[in-house]
All heavy atoms as atom14 arrays in JSON, in Angstrom:
{
  "sequence": "EQHFSRLLSLHPHRLDSLDHYSNILYVLNMRPKLAFVAHLCS",
  "atom14_mask": [
    [1, 1, 1, 1, 1, 1, 1, 1, 1, 0, 0, 0, 0, 0],
    [1, 1, 1, 1, 1, 1, 1, 1, 1, 0, 0, 0, 0, 0],
    [1, 1, 1, 1, 1, 1, 1, 1, 1, 1, 0, 0, 0, 0],
    [1, 1, 1, 1, 1, 1, 1, 1, 1, 1, 1, 0, 0, 0],
    [1, 1, 1, 1, 1, 1, 0, 0, 0, 0, 0, 0, 0, 0],
    [1, 1, 1, 1, 1, 1, 1, 1, 1, 1, 1, 0, 0, 0],
    [1, 1, 1, 1, 1, 1, 1, 1, 0, 0, 0, 0, 0, 0],
    [1, 1, 1, 1, 1, 1, 1, 1, 0, 0, 0, 0, 0, 0],
    [1, 1, 1, 1, 1, 1, 0, 0, 0, 0, 0, 0, 0, 0],
    [1, 1, 1, 1, 1, 1, 1, 1, 0, 0, 0, 0, 0, 0],
    [1, 1, 1, 1, 1, 1, 1, 1, 1, 1, 0, 0, 0, 0],
    [1, 1, 1, 1, 1, 1, 1, 0, 0, 0, 0, 0, 0, 0],
    [1, 1, 1, 1, 1, 1, 1, 1, 1, 1, 0, 0, 0, 0],
    [1, 1, 1, 1, 1, 1, 1, 1, 1, 1, 1, 0, 0, 0],
    [1, 1, 1, 1, 1, 1, 1, 1, 0, 0, 0, 0, 0, 0],
    [1, 1, 1, 1, 1, 1, 1, 1, 0, 0, 0, 0, 0, 0],
    [1, 1, 1, 1, 1, 1, 0, 0, 0, 0, 0, 0, 0, 0],
    [1, 1, 1, 1, 1, 1, 1, 1, 0, 0, 0, 0, 0, 0],
    [1, 1, 1, 1, 1, 1, 1, 1, 0, 0, 0, 0, 0, 0],
    [1, 1, 1, 1, 1, 1, 1, 1, 1, 1, 0, 0, 0, 0],
    [1, 1, 1, 1, 1, 1, 1, 1, 1, 1, 1, 1, 0, 0],
    [1, 1, 1, 1, 1, 1, 0, 0, 0, 0, 0, 0, 0, 0],
    [1, 1, 1, 1, 1, 1, 1, 1, 0, 0, 0, 0, 0, 0],
    [1, 1, 1, 1, 1, 1, 1, 1, 0, 0, 0, 0, 0, 0],
    [1, 1, 1, 1, 1, 1, 1, 1, 0, 0, 0, 0, 0, 0],
    [1, 1, 1, 1, 1, 1, 1, 1, 1, 1, 1, 1, 0, 0],
    [1, 1, 1, 1, 1, 1, 1, 0, 0, 0, 0, 0, 0, 0],
    [1, 1, 1, 1, 1, 1, 1, 1, 0, 0, 0, 0, 0, 0],
    [1, 1, 1, 1, 1, 1, 1, 1, 0, 0, 0, 0, 0, 0],
    [1, 1, 1, 1, 1, 1, 1, 1, 0, 0, 0, 0, 0, 0],
    [1, 1, 1, 1, 1, 1, 1, 1, 1, 1, 1, 0, 0, 0],
    [1, 1, 1, 1, 1, 1, 1, 0, 0, 0, 0, 0, 0, 0],
    [1, 1, 1, 1, 1, 1, 1, 1, 1, 0, 0, 0, 0, 0],
    [1, 1, 1, 1, 1, 1, 1, 1, 0, 0, 0, 0, 0, 0],
    [1, 1, 1, 1, 1, 0, 0, 0, 0, 0, 0, 0, 0, 0],
    [1, 1, 1, 1, 1, 1, 1, 1, 1, 1, 1, 0, 0, 0],
    [1, 1, 1, 1, 1, 1, 1, 0, 0, 0, 0, 0, 0, 0],
    [1, 1, 1, 1, 1, 0, 0, 0, 0, 0, 0, 0, 0, 0],
    [1, 1, 1, 1, 1, 1, 1, 1, 1, 1, 0, 0, 0, 0],
    [1, 1, 1, 1, 1, 1, 1, 1, 0, 0, 0, 0, 0, 0],
    [1, 1, 1, 1, 1, 1, 0, 0, 0, 0, 0, 0, 0, 0],
    [1, 1, 1, 1, 1, 1, 0, 0, 0, 0, 0, 0, 0, 0]
  ],
  "atom14_positions": [
    [[17.51, -21.39, 12.02], [16.68, -20.48, 12.86], [17.44, -19.22, 13.2], [16.9, -18.1, 13.14], [16.24, -21.25, 14.14], [15.14, -20.55, 14.9], [15.67, -19.4, 15.79], [16.76, -19.54, 16.31], [14.96, -18.37, 15.9], [0.0, 0.0, 0.0], [0.0, 0.0, 0.0], [0.0, 0.0, 0.0], [0.0, 0.0, 0.0], [0.0, 0.0, 0.0]],
    [[18.72, -19.38, 13.53], [19.52, -18.18, 13.84], [19.69, -17.26, 12.65], [19.61, -16.02, 12.8], [20.88, -18.64, 14.38], [20.86, -19.24, 15.77], [22.08, -19.98, 16.13], [23.12, -19.9, 15.44], [22.05, -20.73, 17.23], [0.0, 0.0, 0.0], [0.0, 0.0, 0.0], [0.0, 0.0, 0.0], [0.0, 0.0, 0.0], [0.0, 0.0, 0.0]],
    [[19.89, -17.87, 11.45], [20.02, -17.05, 10.23], [18.7, -16.25, 9.99], [18.76, -15.06, 9.65], [20.29, -17.93, 9.02], [21.71, -18.48, 9.03], [22.83, -17.69, 9.33], [22.17, -19.72, 8.78], [23.89, -18.49, 9.24], [23.53, -19.71, 8.91], [0.0, 0.0, 0.0], [0.0, 0.0, 0.0], [0.0, 0.0, 0.0], [0.0, 0.0, 0.0]],
    [[17.56, -16.92, 10.14], [16.29, -16.23, 9.89], [16.06, -15.16, 10.94], [15.49, -14.08, 10.71], [15.15, -17.24, 9.89], [14.81, -17.73, 8.51], [14.94, -19.07, 8.19], [14.36, -16.87, 7.51], [14.64, -19.55, 6.95], [14.06, -17.35, 6.26], [14.19, -18.68, 5.95], [0.0, 0.0, 0.0], [0.0, 0.0, 0.0], [0.0, 0.0, 0.0]],
    [[16.47, -15.45, 12.19], [16.31, -14.49, 13.27], [17.11, -13.21, 13.02], [16.62, -12.11, 13.17], [16.76, -15.12, 14.58], [16.53, -14.28, 15.67], [0.0, 0.0, 0.0], [0.0, 0.0, 0.0], [0.0, 0.0, 0.0], [0.0, 0.0, 0.0], [0.0, 0.0, 0.0], [0.0, 0.0, 0.0], [0.0, 0.0, 0.0], [0.0, 0.0, 0.0]],
    [[18.36, -13.42, 12.51], [19.18, -12.25, 12.13], [18.54, -11.49, 10.98], [18.48, -10.24, 10.96], [20.57, -12.72, 11.75], [21.45, -11.58, 11.3], [22.87, -11.97, 10.96], [23.62, -10.83, 10.44], [24.23, -10.79, 9.27], [24.18, -11.89, 8.49], [24.84, -9.74, 8.88], [0.0, 0.0, 0.0], [0.0, 0.0, 0.0], [0.0, 0.0, 0.0]],
    [[18.01, -12.21, 10.02], [17.35, -11.57, 8.84], [16.19, -10.75, 9.33], [15.98, -9.6, 8.83], [16.89, -12.65, 7.88], [16.13, -12.24, 6.64], [17.02, -11.37, 5.73], [15.59, -13.41, 5.89], [0.0, 0.0, 0.0], [0.0, 0.0, 0.0], [0.0, 0.0, 0.0], [0.0, 0.0, 0.0], [0.0, 0.0, 0.0], [0.0, 0.0, 0.0]],
    [[15.41, -11.28, 10.27], [14.23, -10.57, 10.76], [14.62, -9.33, 11.54], [13.95, -8.27, 11.47], [13.43, -11.48, 11.65], [11.97, -11.09, 11.92], [11.18, -11.01, 10.61], [11.32, -12.1, 12.84], [0.0, 0.0, 0.0], [0.0, 0.0, 0.0], [0.0, 0.0, 0.0], [0.0, 0.0, 0.0], [0.0, 0.0, 0.0], [0.0, 0.0, 0.0]],
    [[15.74, -9.38, 12.25], [16.2, -8.22, 12.98], [16.69, -7.1, 12.03], [16.55, -5.91, 12.33], [17.3, -8.57, 14.0], [18.45, -9.05, 13.28], [0.0, 0.0, 0.0], [0.0, 0.0, 0.0], [0.0, 0.0, 0.0], [0.0, 0.0, 0.0], [0.0, 0.0, 0.0], [0.0, 0.0, 0.0], [0.0, 0.0, 0.0], [0.0, 0.0, 0.0]],
    [[17.31, -7.53, 10.89], [17.79, -6.52, 9.93], [16.63, -5.93, 9.11], [16.68, -4.75, 8.73], [18.77, -7.18, 8.98], [20.16, -7.51, 9.52], [20.97, -8.35, 8.54], [20.93, -6.22, 9.85], [0.0, 0.0, 0.0], [0.0, 0.0, 0.0], [0.0, 0.0, 0.0], [0.0, 0.0, 0.0], [0.0, 0.0, 0.0], [0.0, 0.0, 0.0]],
    [[15.63, -6.78, 8.79], [14.51, -6.32, 7.97], [13.17, -6.7, 8.62], [12.5, -7.65, 8.22], [14.61, -6.97, 6.56], [15.94, -6.8, 5.91], [16.3, -5.63, 5.26], [16.98, -7.64, 5.78], [17.55, -5.79, 4.78], [17.98, -6.99, 5.1], [0.0, 0.0, 0.0], [0.0, 0.0, 0.0], [0.0, 0.0, 0.0], [0.0, 0.0, 0.0]],
    [[12.8, -6.0, 9.69], [11.63, -6.42, 10.49], [10.27, -6.35, 9.76], [9.32, -6.94, 10.22], [11.68, -5.47, 11.71], [12.5, -4.28, 11.24], [13.45, -4.8, 10.29], [0.0, 0.0, 0.0], [0.0, 0.0, 0.0], [0.0, 0.0, 0.0], [0.0, 0.0, 0.0], [0.0, 0.0, 0.0], [0.0, 0.0, 0.0], [0.0, 0.0, 0.0]],
    [[10.22, -5.57, 8.68], [8.94, -5.45, 7.99], [8.89, -6.27, 6.69], [7.97, -6.19, 5.93], [8.65, -3.96, 7.62], [8.56, -3.11, 8.84], [9.59, -2.3, 9.24], [7.59, -3.0, 9.76], [9.25, -1.66, 10.38], [8.05, -2.04, 10.72], [0.0, 0.0, 0.0], [0.0, 0.0, 0.0], [0.0, 0.0, 0.0], [0.0, 0.0, 0.0]],
    [[9.91, -7.12, 6.45], [9.98, -7.91, 5.25], [9.32, -9.27, 5.51], [9.77, -10.05, 6.38], [11.44, -8.1, 4.85], [11.65, -8.9, 3.56], [13.12, -9.01, 3.25], [13.39, -9.71, 2.0], [13.57, -11.03, 1.87], [13.49, -11.8, 2.97], [13.8, -11.56, 0.73], [0.0, 0.0, 0.0], [0.0, 0.0, 0.0], [0.0, 0.0, 0.0]],
    [[8.28, -9.6, 4.73], [7.53, -10.83, 4.96], [7.99, -11.94, 4.03], [7.62, -13.1, 4.26], [6.02, -10.57, 4.71], [5.38, -9.51, 5.65], [3.91, -9.43, 5.39], [5.68, -9.85, 7.13], [0.0, 0.0, 0.0], [0.0, 0.0, 0.0], [0.0, 0.0, 0.0], [0.0, 0.0, 0.0], [0.0, 0.0, 0.0], [0.0, 0.0, 0.0]],
    [[8.75, -11.62, 2.96], [9.21, -12.65, 2.05], [9.91, -13.8, 2.79], [10.8, -13.51, 3.59], [10.16, -12.1, 0.99], [9.52, -10.9, 0.26], [9.14, -9.95, 0.94], [9.48, -10.94, -0.97], [0.0, 0.0, 0.0], [0.0, 0.0, 0.0], [0.0, 0.0, 0.0], [0.0, 0.0, 0.0], [0.0, 0.0, 0.0], [0.0, 0.0, 0.0]],
    [[9.57, -15.0, 2.5], [10.21, -16.24, 2.99], [9.96, -16.48, 4.49], [10.54, -17.42, 5.05], [11.76, -16.19, 2.76], [12.06, -16.04, 1.4], [0.0, 0.0, 0.0], [0.0, 0.0, 0.0], [0.0, 0.0, 0.0], [0.0, 0.0, 0.0], [0.0, 0.0, 0.0], [0.0, 0.0, 0.0], [0.0, 0.0, 0.0], [0.0, 0.0, 0.0]],
    [[9.15, -15.68, 5.15], [8.85, -15.94, 6.56], [8.05, -17.25, 6.71], [7.99, -17.8, 7.81], [8.14, -14.79, 7.25], [9.03, -13.54, 7.52], [8.25, -12.57, 8.37], [10.31, -13.94, 8.18], [0.0, 0.0, 0.0], [0.0, 0.0, 0.0], [0.0, 0.0, 0.0], [0.0, 0.0, 0.0], [0.0, 0.0, 0.0], [0.0, 0.0, 0.0]],
    [[7.43, -17.7, 5.63], [6.72, -19.0, 5.73], [7.71, -20.11, 5.96], [7.48, -21.05, 6.73], [5.89, -19.26, 4.47], [6.66, -19.05, 3.22], [7.67, -18.34, 3.22], [6.26, -19.61, 2.15], [0.0, 0.0, 0.0], [0.0, 0.0, 0.0], [0.0, 0.0, 0.0], [0.0, 0.0, 0.0], [0.0, 0.0, 0.0], [0.0, 0.0, 0.0]],
    [[8.93, -20.0, 5.35], [9.99, -20.99, 5.63], [10.47, -20.9, 7.09], [10.68, -21.94, 7.78], [11.19, -20.75, 4.73], [10.93, -20.99, 3.28], [10.52, -22.19, 2.78], [11.01, -20.15, 2.21], [10.36, -22.09, 1.49], [10.64, -20.88, 1.09], [0.0, 0.0, 0.0], [0.0, 0.0, 0.0], [0.0, 0.0, 0.0], [0.0, 0.0, 0.0]],
    [[10.54, -19.7, 7.61], [10.96, -19.49, 9.0], [9.92, -20.16, 9.92], [10.29, -20.83, 10.92], [11.13, -18.01, 9.28], [11.7, -17.68, 10.64], [12.56, -18.5, 11.32], [11.36, -16.46, 11.28], [13.08, -18.23, 12.54], [11.88, -16.12, 12.49], [12.76, -16.99, 13.14], [13.27, -16.7, 14.38], [0.0, 0.0, 0.0], [0.0, 0.0, 0.0]],
    [[8.67, -19.97, 9.61], [7.63, -20.56, 10.49], [7.73, -22.08, 10.47], [7.44, -22.73, 11.47], [6.26, -20.1, 10.04], [5.87, -20.67, 8.83], [0.0, 0.0, 0.0], [0.0, 0.0, 0.0], [0.0, 0.0, 0.0], [0.0, 0.0, 0.0], [0.0, 0.0, 0.0], [0.0, 0.0, 0.0], [0.0, 0.0, 0.0], [0.0, 0.0, 0.0]],
    [[8.09, -22.66, 9.31], [8.24, -24.13, 9.25], [9.33, -24.62, 10.21], [9.21, -25.6, 10.89], [8.63, -24.55, 7.83], [7.49, -24.35, 6.85], [6.34, -24.31, 7.23], [7.85, -24.18, 5.59], [0.0, 0.0, 0.0], [0.0, 0.0, 0.0], [0.0, 0.0, 0.0], [0.0, 0.0, 0.0], [0.0, 0.0, 0.0], [0.0, 0.0, 0.0]],
    [[10.45, -23.83, 10.24], [11.57, -24.19, 11.11], [11.16, -24.06, 12.55], [11.47, -24.91, 13.39], [12.81, -23.3, 10.79], [13.35, -23.68, 9.37], [13.9, -23.49, 11.84], [14.29, -22.65, 8.82], [0.0, 0.0, 0.0], [0.0, 0.0, 0.0], [0.0, 0.0, 0.0], [0.0, 0.0, 0.0], [0.0, 0.0, 0.0], [0.0, 0.0, 0.0]],
    [[10.47, -23.01, 12.93], [10.04, -22.77, 14.28], [9.03, -23.88, 14.71], [9.04, -24.35, 15.85], [9.37, -21.4, 14.44], [10.32, -20.23, 14.27], [9.57, -18.91, 14.3], [11.42, -20.21, 15.35], [0.0, 0.0, 0.0], [0.0, 0.0, 0.0], [0.0, 0.0, 0.0], [0.0, 0.0, 0.0], [0.0, 0.0, 0.0], [0.0, 0.0, 0.0]],
    [[8.21, -24.29, 13.76], [7.26, -25.41, 14.0], [8.03, -26.66, 14.36], [7.75, -27.37, 15.32], [6.42, -25.56, 12.78], [5.29, -26.64, 12.9], [3.98, -26.27, 12.9], [5.63, -27.98, 13.0], [2.97, -27.26, 13.03], [4.66, -28.94, 13.12], [3.31, -28.57, 13.11], [2.31, -29.52, 13.21], [0.0, 0.0, 0.0], [0.0, 0.0, 0.0]],
    [[9.01, -26.97, 13.49], [9.81, -28.17, 13.68], [10.51, -28.18, 15.01], [10.58, -29.19, 15.72], [10.84, -28.27, 12.51], [11.92, -29.3, 12.81], [10.13, -28.58, 11.19], [0.0, 0.0, 0.0], [0.0, 0.0, 0.0], [0.0, 0.0, 0.0], [0.0, 0.0, 0.0], [0.0, 0.0, 0.0], [0.0, 0.0, 0.0], [0.0, 0.0, 0.0]],
    [[11.08, -27.04, 15.36], [11.83, -26.92, 16.67], [10.88, -26.74, 17.86], [11.32, -26.6, 18.97], [12.81, -25.74, 16.57], [13.91, -25.91, 15.56], [14.74, -24.62, 15.42], [14.85, -27.05, 15.91], [0.0, 0.0, 0.0], [0.0, 0.0, 0.0], [0.0, 0.0, 0.0], [0.0, 0.0, 0.0], [0.0, 0.0, 0.0], [0.0, 0.0, 0.0]],
    [[9.56, -26.72, 17.58], [8.55, -26.57, 18.67], [8.78, -25.25, 19.46], [8.56, -25.21, 20.66], [8.59, -27.75, 19.57], [7.27, -27.89, 20.31], [6.21, -27.48, 19.88], [7.34, -28.53, 21.5], [0.0, 0.0, 0.0], [0.0, 0.0, 0.0], [0.0, 0.0, 0.0], [0.0, 0.0, 0.0], [0.0, 0.0, 0.0], [0.0, 0.0, 0.0]],
    [[9.2, -24.18, 18.77], [9.39, -22.88, 19.45], [8.08, -22.08, 19.38], [7.93, -21.15, 18.6], [10.51, -22.12, 18.79], [11.89, -22.74, 18.93], [13.16, -21.71, 18.19], [14.67, -22.51, 18.81], [0.0, 0.0, 0.0], [0.0, 0.0, 0.0], [0.0, 0.0, 0.0], [0.0, 0.0, 0.0], [0.0, 0.0, 0.0], [0.0, 0.0, 0.0]],
    [[7.13, -22.46, 20.2], [5.82, -21.88, 20.11], [5.81, -20.38, 20.4], [5.19, -19.61, 19.68], [4.84, -22.63, 21.04], [3.41, -22.32, 20.72], [2.52, -23.19, 21.45], [2.28, -22.71, 22.84], [1.51, -23.32, 23.74], [0.91, -24.46, 23.43], [1.41, -22.84, 24.97], [0.0, 0.0, 0.0], [0.0, 0.0, 0.0], [0.0, 0.0, 0.0]],
    [[6.52, -19.88, 21.47], [6.45, -18.45, 21.74], [7.04, -17.63, 20.56], [6.48, -16.6, 20.19], [7.34, -18.3, 23.0], [7.33, -19.64, 23.64], [7.25, -20.6, 22.53], [0.0, 0.0, 0.0], [0.0, 0.0, 0.0], [0.0, 0.0, 0.0], [0.0, 0.0, 0.0], [0.0, 0.0, 0.0], [0.0, 0.0, 0.0], [0.0, 0.0, 0.0]],
    [[8.12, -18.11, 19.99], [8.73, -17.37, 18.87], [7.83, -17.43, 17.63], [7.7, -16.42, 16.93], [10.14, -17.92, 18.53], [10.95, -17.03, 17.61], [12.39, -17.41, 17.55], [13.17, -16.77, 18.71], [14.65, -16.91, 18.49], [0.0, 0.0, 0.0], [0.0, 0.0, 0.0], [0.0, 0.0, 0.0], [0.0, 0.0, 0.0], [0.0, 0.0, 0.0]],
    [[7.19, -18.58, 17.39], [6.28, -18.64, 16.26], [5.07, -17.71, 16.5], [4.58, -17.1, 15.51], [5.8, -20.11, 16.08], [4.89, -20.4, 14.89], [5.45, -19.87, 13.58], [4.6, -21.89, 14.77], [0.0, 0.0, 0.0], [0.0, 0.0, 0.0], [0.0, 0.0, 0.0], [0.0, 0.0, 0.0], [0.0, 0.0, 0.0], [0.0, 0.0, 0.0]],
    [[4.64, -17.63, 17.72], [3.53, -16.71, 18.02], [3.93, -15.25, 17.73], [3.14, -14.48, 17.19], [3.12, -16.85, 19.49], [0.0, 0.0, 0.0], [0.0, 0.0, 0.0], [0.0, 0.0, 0.0], [0.0, 0.0, 0.0], [0.0, 0.0, 0.0], [0.0, 0.0, 0.0], [0.0, 0.0, 0.0], [0.0, 0.0, 0.0], [0.0, 0.0, 0.0]],
    [[5.2, -14.95, 18.1], [5.68, -13.58, 17.88], [5.72, -13.3, 16.37], [5.32, -12.22, 15.89], [7.1, -13.44, 18.47], [7.85, -12.22, 17.98], [7.51, -10.96, 18.47], [8.86, -12.33, 17.05], [8.19, -9.83, 17.99], [9.5, -11.24, 16.6], [9.17, -9.95, 17.06], [0.0, 0.0, 0.0], [0.0, 0.0, 0.0], [0.0, 0.0, 0.0]],
    [[6.25, -14.24, 15.58], [6.37, -14.04, 14.11], [4.97, -13.92, 13.52], [4.75, -13.09, 12.62], [7.18, -15.18, 13.46], [7.2, -15.03, 11.94], [8.62, -15.21, 13.97], [0.0, 0.0, 0.0], [0.0, 0.0, 0.0], [0.0, 0.0, 0.0], [0.0, 0.0, 0.0], [0.0, 0.0, 0.0], [0.0, 0.0, 0.0], [0.0, 0.0, 0.0]],
    [[4.06, -14.74, 13.97], [2.67, -14.67, 13.45], [2.05, -13.31, 13.76], [1.39, -12.66, 12.93], [1.82, -15.78, 14.09], [0.0, 0.0, 0.0], [0.0, 0.0, 0.0], [0.0, 0.0, 0.0], [0.0, 0.0, 0.0], [0.0, 0.0, 0.0], [0.0, 0.0, 0.0], [0.0, 0.0, 0.0], [0.0, 0.0, 0.0], [0.0, 0.0, 0.0]],
    [[2.29, -12.8, 14.99], [1.76, -11.45, 15.35], [2.38, -10.4, 14.47], [1.74, -9.43, 14.03], [1.99, -11.23, 16.83], [1.53, -9.88, 17.29], [0.18, -9.6, 17.48], [2.19, -8.73, 17.61], [0.06, -8.35, 17.85], [1.3, -7.8, 17.92], [0.0, 0.0, 0.0], [0.0, 0.0, 0.0], [0.0, 0.0, 0.0], [0.0, 0.0, 0.0]],
    [[3.71, -10.5, 14.29], [4.42, -9.53, 13.48], [3.89, -9.48, 12.02], [3.6, -8.4, 11.5], [5.92, -9.86, 13.45], [6.83, -8.97, 12.6], [6.9, -7.59, 13.18], [8.2, -9.59, 12.41], [0.0, 0.0, 0.0], [0.0, 0.0, 0.0], [0.0, 0.0, 0.0], [0.0, 0.0, 0.0], [0.0, 0.0, 0.0], [0.0, 0.0, 0.0]],
    [[3.7, -10.67, 11.46], [3.18, -10.72, 10.09], [1.79, -10.11, 10.0], [1.46, -9.36, 9.05], [3.13, -12.18, 9.59], [4.71, -12.96, 9.34], [0.0, 0.0, 0.0], [0.0, 0.0, 0.0], [0.0, 0.0, 0.0], [0.0, 0.0, 0.0], [0.0, 0.0, 0.0], [0.0, 0.0, 0.0], [0.0, 0.0, 0.0], [0.0, 0.0, 0.0]],
    [[0.98, -10.42, 10.98], [-0.41, -9.92, 10.98], [-0.38, -8.41, 11.1], [-1.21, -7.71, 10.49], [-1.16, -10.54, 12.16], [-2.5, -10.1, 12.14], [0.0, 0.0, 0.0], [0.0, 0.0, 0.0], [0.0, 0.0, 0.0], [0.0, 0.0, 0.0], [0.0, 0.0, 0.0], [0.0, 0.0, 0.0], [0.0, 0.0, 0.0], [0.0, 0.0, 0.0]]
  ]
}
C-alpha cells in the first residue's frame, strides 16, 4: 500500500495498475482511501 501510495503521489494522473491498488485497499479495509482513489480515477 505504501509503495502504491508513493507511486500515486509521483504520477497522480496515471491509471495503469490502480486496479491492483484498489484490491490492496479493499483487503486492508481502507474505505476512505479507496473512495479517494475511485474519485481520482473517475
